[in-house]
Protein backbone atom coordinates (compact mmCIF):
# COMPACT_ATOMS: atom_id res chain seq x y z
CA MET A 1 -9.46 15.62 15.26
CA ALA A 2 -9.97 13.78 11.97
CA ALA A 3 -13.30 15.49 11.38
CA PHE A 4 -11.75 18.94 11.94
CA LEU A 5 -8.76 18.02 9.78
CA LEU A 6 -10.74 16.72 6.85
CA THR A 7 -13.32 19.50 6.82
CA ARG A 8 -10.94 22.43 7.20
CA THR A 9 -8.06 21.36 5.01
CA LEU A 10 -9.25 18.57 2.72
CA HIS A 11 -12.50 20.16 1.62
CA SER A 12 -13.26 17.65 -1.10
CA ILE A 13 -12.96 14.46 0.92
CA LYS A 14 -16.06 12.79 2.24
CA ARG A 15 -15.69 11.52 5.80
CA PRO A 16 -15.94 7.71 5.61
CA ARG A 17 -16.87 5.69 8.67
CA LEU A 18 -13.45 4.09 8.95
CA LEU A 19 -11.88 7.50 9.66
CA ASP A 20 -14.19 8.35 12.57
CA PRO A 21 -12.06 6.88 15.42
CA LEU A 22 -9.12 9.14 14.53
CA SER A 23 -10.79 11.71 16.74
CA SER A 24 -9.96 9.63 19.82
CA LEU A 25 -6.32 8.86 18.99
CA SER A 26 -4.76 11.71 20.95
CA PRO A 27 -1.10 10.63 20.47
CA LEU A 28 -1.59 11.40 16.79
CA ALA A 29 -3.12 14.82 17.32
CA ARG A 30 0.07 16.81 16.83
CA TYR A 31 0.99 14.96 13.65
CA PHE A 32 -2.39 15.17 11.94
CA ASN A 33 -2.84 18.79 12.99
CA THR A 34 0.03 19.70 10.69
CA ILE A 35 -1.97 18.68 7.64
CA ALA A 36 -4.13 21.74 8.26
CA ALA A 37 -1.07 23.92 7.49
CA ALA A 38 -0.87 22.91 3.81
CA HIS A 39 -1.23 25.70 1.24
CA GLN A 40 -2.79 25.88 -2.20
CA HIS A 41 -0.52 28.51 -3.81
CA LEU A 42 1.02 27.65 -7.15
CA ALA A 43 4.77 27.74 -7.60
CA PRO A 44 6.43 30.02 -10.14
CA GLU A 45 6.61 28.79 -13.70
CA GLY A 46 9.77 27.01 -14.80
CA GLN A 47 10.26 25.14 -11.53
CA SER A 48 13.28 23.07 -10.62
CA SER A 49 13.08 19.67 -9.02
CA PHE A 50 13.73 17.97 -5.70
CA SER A 51 14.36 14.27 -5.27
CA PHE A 52 16.05 11.82 -2.96
CA GLY A 53 18.30 8.96 -4.04
CA ASP A 54 21.72 7.47 -3.45
CA GLY A 55 23.38 10.87 -3.33
CA GLY A 56 25.84 10.11 -6.11
CA ASN A 57 29.35 10.91 -4.93
CA SER A 58 28.23 13.00 -2.01
CA GLY A 59 28.62 10.17 0.47
CA GLY A 60 27.05 9.71 3.89
CA ASP A 61 23.80 11.47 4.67
CA ALA A 62 24.72 14.81 3.11
CA ILE A 63 22.23 16.58 0.88
CA LEU A 64 23.67 17.10 -2.59
CA VAL A 65 22.73 20.30 -4.43
CA LYS A 66 23.52 20.17 -8.14
CA GLY A 67 23.54 22.92 -10.71
CA ALA A 68 21.90 25.57 -8.56
CA ASN A 69 20.64 28.55 -10.56
CA SER A 70 19.61 31.93 -9.29
CA GLY A 71 17.78 34.97 -10.58
CA PRO A 72 16.42 34.87 -14.11
CA LYS A 73 18.36 31.67 -14.92
CA ARG A 74 16.07 29.77 -12.58
CA GLU A 75 13.37 29.58 -15.23
CA GLY A 76 13.77 26.41 -17.24
CA GLY A 77 16.86 25.56 -15.21
CA SER A 78 17.92 22.07 -14.21
CA SER A 79 18.83 22.59 -10.56
CA SER A 80 17.89 19.73 -8.24
CA VAL A 81 18.39 18.54 -4.71
CA THR A 82 19.22 14.86 -4.18
CA MET A 83 18.55 13.17 -0.84
CA PRO A 84 20.45 10.06 0.37
CA MET A 85 18.69 6.69 0.55
CA SER A 86 18.70 6.95 4.36
CA PHE A 87 15.62 9.12 3.77
CA MET A 88 13.64 5.87 3.64
CA THR A 89 15.29 4.24 6.68
CA GLY A 90 14.34 6.61 9.49
CA SER A 91 17.56 8.61 9.88
CA ILE A 92 17.57 12.40 10.22
CA VAL A 93 18.53 13.70 6.79
CA GLY A 94 20.34 17.03 6.55
CA LYS A 95 18.75 20.34 7.49
CA ARG A 96 15.59 21.95 6.20
CA PHE A 97 16.68 23.84 3.07
CA TYR A 98 13.31 25.24 1.96
CA LYS A 99 10.97 27.90 3.33
CA GLN A 100 7.61 27.36 1.71
CA VAL A 101 5.69 24.21 0.82
CA THR A 102 2.86 24.44 -1.71
CA THR A 103 0.87 22.26 -4.08
CA ARG A 104 0.13 22.69 -7.77
CA GLN A 105 -1.43 20.72 -10.58
CA SER A 106 1.04 18.66 -12.59
CA ASP A 107 2.26 20.12 -15.86
CA ASP A 108 0.32 17.57 -17.91
CA GLY A 109 -2.83 18.20 -15.87
CA ASN A 110 -2.87 14.60 -14.65
CA GLY A 111 -2.41 14.65 -10.88
CA TRP A 112 -0.96 17.01 -8.29
CA SER A 113 2.59 17.90 -7.29
CA VAL A 114 4.21 19.14 -4.07
CA MET A 115 6.55 22.14 -4.32
CA LEU A 116 9.42 22.94 -1.96
CA ASP A 117 9.90 26.62 -2.74
CA TYR A 118 10.37 26.47 -6.54
CA ARG A 119 11.45 22.82 -6.61
CA THR A 120 9.17 19.93 -7.59
CA LEU A 121 9.22 17.00 -5.18
CA LYS A 122 10.27 13.72 -6.79
CA THR A 123 10.33 10.02 -5.88
CA PRO A 124 13.49 8.04 -4.99
CA SER A 125 13.98 7.12 -8.66
CA LYS A 126 13.78 10.82 -9.56
CA ARG A 127 10.38 10.59 -11.19
CA ALA A 128 7.84 13.32 -10.55
CA LEU A 129 5.77 12.68 -7.41
CA LYS A 130 2.42 12.84 -9.19
CA LEU A 131 -0.39 12.33 -6.68
CA PRO A 132 -3.94 11.30 -7.66
CA THR A 133 -5.81 13.89 -5.54
CA LEU A 134 -5.28 17.41 -4.26
CA SER A 135 -6.21 16.20 -0.78
CA LEU A 136 -3.32 13.74 -0.68
CA ALA A 137 -0.93 16.34 -2.13
CA LYS A 138 -1.91 18.79 0.62
CA ALA A 139 -1.40 16.16 3.32
CA ILE A 140 2.08 15.28 2.06
CA ALA A 141 2.88 18.99 1.73
CA ALA A 142 1.93 19.35 5.39
CA GLU A 143 4.38 16.57 6.32
CA TRP A 144 7.19 18.50 4.63
CA ASP A 145 6.05 21.79 6.16
CA TYR A 146 6.15 20.13 9.60
CA GLN A 147 9.89 19.44 9.36
CA GLN A 148 12.11 21.40 11.71
CA THR A 149 15.09 23.55 10.72
CA ASP A 150 17.62 21.26 12.43
CA GLY A 151 16.82 18.24 10.25
CA ILE A 152 14.35 16.40 8.03
CA ARG A 153 12.83 13.43 9.87
CA PRO A 154 11.45 10.85 7.43
CA PHE A 155 9.85 8.82 10.23
CA THR A 156 7.35 11.67 10.69
CA MET A 157 6.25 11.36 7.03
CA PRO A 158 4.27 8.10 6.67
CA LEU A 159 2.06 9.46 3.89
CA MET A 160 5.12 10.35 1.80
CA ARG A 161 6.46 6.82 2.27
CA LEU A 162 3.15 5.24 1.26
CA ALA A 163 2.89 7.51 -1.78
CA CYS A 164 6.36 6.49 -2.98
CA THR A 165 5.42 2.84 -2.45
CA ALA A 166 2.19 3.23 -4.44
CA LEU A 167 3.82 5.14 -7.30
CA GLU A 168 7.04 3.14 -7.65
CA ARG A 169 7.01 -0.22 -5.93
CA VAL A 170 3.45 -1.42 -6.55
CA PRO A 171 3.33 -0.97 -10.35
CA VAL A 172 6.47 -3.07 -10.92
CA THR A 173 6.04 -5.66 -8.14
CA ARG A 174 2.23 -6.02 -7.93
CA PRO A 175 2.22 -9.83 -8.52
CA LYS A 176 4.91 -10.33 -5.86
CA ILE A 177 3.04 -8.18 -3.33
CA ILE A 178 -0.16 -10.14 -3.86
CA ASP A 179 1.68 -13.49 -3.71
CA ASN A 180 3.35 -12.46 -0.45
CA LEU A 181 0.01 -11.47 1.09
CA MET A 182 -1.67 -14.69 -0.01
CA ARG A 183 1.25 -16.85 1.16
CA LYS A 184 0.61 -15.66 4.72
CA PHE A 185 -3.17 -15.87 4.45
CA ASN A 186 -3.50 -19.37 5.93
CA GLN A 187 -1.62 -18.23 9.06
CA ASP A 188 -3.75 -15.12 9.49
CA LEU A 189 -4.01 -13.76 13.02
CA VAL A 190 -7.81 -14.06 13.20
CA PHE A 191 -7.81 -17.74 12.19
CA CYS A 192 -5.72 -18.84 15.21
CA ARG A 193 -7.92 -19.96 18.09
CA ALA A 194 -6.91 -20.86 21.66
CA PRO A 195 -7.83 -24.43 22.71
CA TRP A 196 -11.33 -24.45 24.21
CA ASP A 197 -10.63 -27.46 26.49
CA ASN A 198 -7.52 -26.07 28.22
CA ASN A 199 -7.97 -24.44 31.63
CA LEU A 200 -5.11 -22.04 30.94
CA THR A 201 -6.72 -20.65 27.78
CA ILE A 202 -10.43 -20.98 28.41
CA GLY A 203 -10.76 -17.26 29.07
CA VAL A 204 -8.87 -16.43 25.90
CA TYR A 205 -11.07 -18.73 23.82
CA ASP A 206 -14.27 -17.15 25.13
CA ARG A 207 -13.01 -13.66 24.33
CA GLN A 208 -11.94 -14.74 20.84
CA VAL A 209 -15.43 -16.06 20.14
CA GLN A 210 -16.89 -12.77 21.34
CA LYS A 211 -14.53 -10.41 19.50
CA ILE A 212 -13.30 -12.26 16.40
CA ASP A 213 -16.25 -14.42 15.35
CA PRO A 214 -18.29 -11.39 14.13
CA LEU A 215 -15.45 -10.56 11.72
CA LEU A 216 -15.31 -14.16 10.49
CA ASP A 217 -19.10 -14.10 9.99
CA TRP A 218 -18.64 -10.98 7.86
CA VAL A 219 -15.99 -12.77 5.77
CA LYS A 220 -18.47 -15.59 5.11
CA THR A 221 -21.18 -13.12 4.10
CA GLU A 222 -18.88 -10.95 1.99
CA PHE A 223 -17.01 -13.69 0.12
CA GLY A 224 -19.41 -16.62 0.37
CA PHE A 225 -17.03 -19.01 2.12
CA LYS A 226 -16.68 -19.83 5.83
CA PRO A 227 -13.13 -19.39 7.22
CA VAL A 228 -11.45 -22.31 8.96
CA VAL A 229 -10.14 -21.70 12.49
CA TYR A 230 -7.38 -23.76 14.05
CA SER A 231 -5.35 -24.13 17.26
CA SER A 232 -1.99 -25.14 15.80
CA PHE A 233 1.06 -22.91 15.85
CA PHE A 234 1.79 -24.13 12.34
CA GLY A 235 -1.47 -22.74 11.00
CA GLY A 236 -4.25 -24.36 9.03
CA LYS A 237 -5.47 -24.26 5.47
CA GLN A 238 -8.36 -22.21 4.13
CA GLY A 239 -10.69 -23.42 1.44
CA GLN A 240 -9.70 -22.74 -2.14
CA GLY A 241 -12.86 -20.71 -2.71
CA LEU A 242 -12.01 -18.19 0.03
CA VAL A 243 -8.37 -18.00 -1.08
CA LYS A 244 -9.40 -17.29 -4.66
CA ALA A 245 -11.99 -14.69 -3.62
CA MET A 246 -9.45 -12.84 -1.48
CA GLU A 247 -6.86 -12.96 -4.26
CA ASN A 248 -9.34 -11.58 -6.80
CA LEU A 249 -10.12 -8.66 -4.49
CA LEU A 250 -6.42 -7.78 -4.30
CA LYS A 251 -5.98 -8.03 -8.06
CA ASN A 252 -8.81 -5.54 -8.61
CA THR A 253 -7.35 -2.84 -6.37
CA SER A 254 -5.64 0.33 -7.55
CA ASP A 255 -1.95 0.90 -6.80
CA CYS A 256 -2.77 3.21 -3.88
CA GLU A 257 -5.30 0.75 -2.48
CA LEU A 258 -2.88 -2.18 -2.68
CA ALA A 259 -0.12 -0.13 -1.03
CA ALA A 260 -2.48 0.72 1.84
CA ILE A 261 -3.68 -2.89 2.23
CA ASP A 262 -0.10 -4.15 2.23
CA ALA A 263 0.86 -1.65 4.93
CA LEU A 264 -2.20 -2.54 7.01
CA ALA A 265 -1.53 -6.26 6.69
CA ALA A 266 2.11 -5.80 7.71
CA ALA A 267 1.13 -3.80 10.79
CA SER A 268 -1.72 -6.09 11.82
CA HIS A 269 -0.26 -9.48 10.80
CA SER A 270 -3.66 -10.09 9.24
CA LEU A 271 -4.89 -9.76 5.68
CA VAL A 272 -8.46 -10.24 6.94
CA ILE A 273 -8.19 -7.20 9.23
CA ALA A 274 -6.61 -5.17 6.41
CA VAL A 275 -9.40 -6.11 4.02
CA GLY A 276 -11.97 -5.45 6.74
CA ILE A 277 -10.66 -1.88 7.03
CA PHE A 278 -10.52 -1.50 3.26
CA CYS A 279 -14.14 -2.64 2.85
CA GLY A 280 -15.38 -0.46 5.73
CA ARG A 281 -16.23 -3.38 8.07
CA LEU A 282 -13.67 -2.27 10.69
CA ASP A 283 -12.74 1.19 11.87
CA ILE A 284 -9.36 2.06 13.33
CA GLU A 285 -10.18 1.39 16.98
CA GLU A 286 -11.86 -1.94 16.21
CA ALA A 287 -8.87 -3.03 14.15
CA ILE A 288 -6.36 -2.08 16.84
CA GLU A 289 -8.41 -3.93 19.46
CA LEU A 290 -8.30 -7.12 17.37
CA ILE A 291 -4.60 -6.76 16.58
CA ARG A 292 -3.66 -6.29 20.25
CA PHE A 293 -6.24 -8.74 21.56
CA GLU A 294 -3.93 -11.31 23.19
CA GLU A 295 -1.30 -8.79 24.27
CA ASP A 296 -3.95 -6.66 25.96
CA LEU A 297 -5.09 -9.73 27.89
CA GLN A 298 -1.54 -10.08 29.19
CA VAL A 299 -1.44 -6.39 30.08
CA ASP A 300 -4.71 -6.76 32.00
CA LYS A 301 -3.22 -9.66 33.94
CA TRP A 302 0.36 -8.50 34.55
CA GLY A 303 0.23 -4.76 34.00
CA LEU A 304 1.55 -2.38 31.34
CA VAL A 305 5.31 -2.08 30.80
CA GLU A 306 6.14 1.62 30.46
CA GLY A 307 8.53 2.26 27.62
CA GLY A 308 7.45 -1.03 26.06
CA ASN A 309 3.73 -1.73 25.72
CA ASP A 310 2.80 1.94 25.56
CA LEU A 311 5.28 2.64 22.74
CA ASP A 312 4.05 -0.41 20.85
CA ILE A 313 0.49 0.88 21.09
CA ALA A 314 1.46 4.36 19.88
CA ASP A 315 3.48 2.95 16.97
CA LEU A 316 0.61 0.68 15.94
CA LYS A 317 -1.83 3.59 15.99
CA VAL A 318 0.44 5.61 13.70
CA GLN A 319 0.89 2.72 11.26
CA ILE A 320 -2.81 1.86 11.04
CA SER A 321 -4.08 5.45 11.06
CA SER A 322 -1.63 6.71 8.42
CA ALA A 323 -2.55 3.84 6.07
CA VAL A 324 -6.26 4.53 6.58
CA VAL A 325 -5.79 8.27 5.98
CA PHE A 326 -3.73 7.55 2.86
CA LEU A 327 -6.44 5.20 1.60
CA GLY A 328 -9.10 7.84 2.11
CA LEU A 329 -7.16 10.77 0.67
CA SER A 330 -6.14 8.85 -2.45
CA LYS A 331 -9.82 8.59 -3.43
CA PHE A 332 -11.15 12.09 -2.83
């Protein structure tokens, strides 16, 4: 599915290894298929703008249309559509008010914009949504084109959310994002090891050695410092050399890269897994297997809870896959 998607619609993107397993994630097929529906047509000159924010005095979840122009007055006009902040919380926001979704190069020639009819899509703070690549603009356009007439569903638009994070949150809070990631580094998921001398966990320990140790060996090779594993619920403490090396990697990332790493770390509870994906050491399936390692052992022993475990798996696949796709599309 990913190979078809990226070759048909995103012609300029090279297919990195970390995107390969998308082809086997069938629950995502319908969502990622919509990216192939993006168009390349340019919008008419003198476009208006679209944004989402607090809605001013509109109240509730209503969509506020301000200063609508029609006919010849549209050119150079100031009409805009403001969305409520619930756009970012998962609620269904209003009804689809546009017919065509296209992409065009930004007016200053630096980046790409998404057009809803003649309106330019904007960020929550009403700044132009200026995307670094045409591929990413097409993918976000496909998310908007996927929306149904009965309502706009933000929870089906993970790339739009990540783009807004990269363009607005990361530039102004970069130090805080990095500090938050590093603060949790010592309690990373892959550093926690089941006791080897306990009969109840001996099977878990053996599987951890088999599955997780290769990733830890890669960390030692990549950064030059051996990670410390521990069996305490309160976590351990990694060497200062490894902490500094990981922090330097985060500081040298672009805004889009840091947004993707932050999303991956939040979904996986592991900065090491997020960095492994970022560096190409882990693909999507390998990452999901490590993230769900202990829970899958419980499922193997007690069985899968329908409406519980299966939904968790599907949600995790969406979170990891969308961040990986965003990371790839922001580069090519």
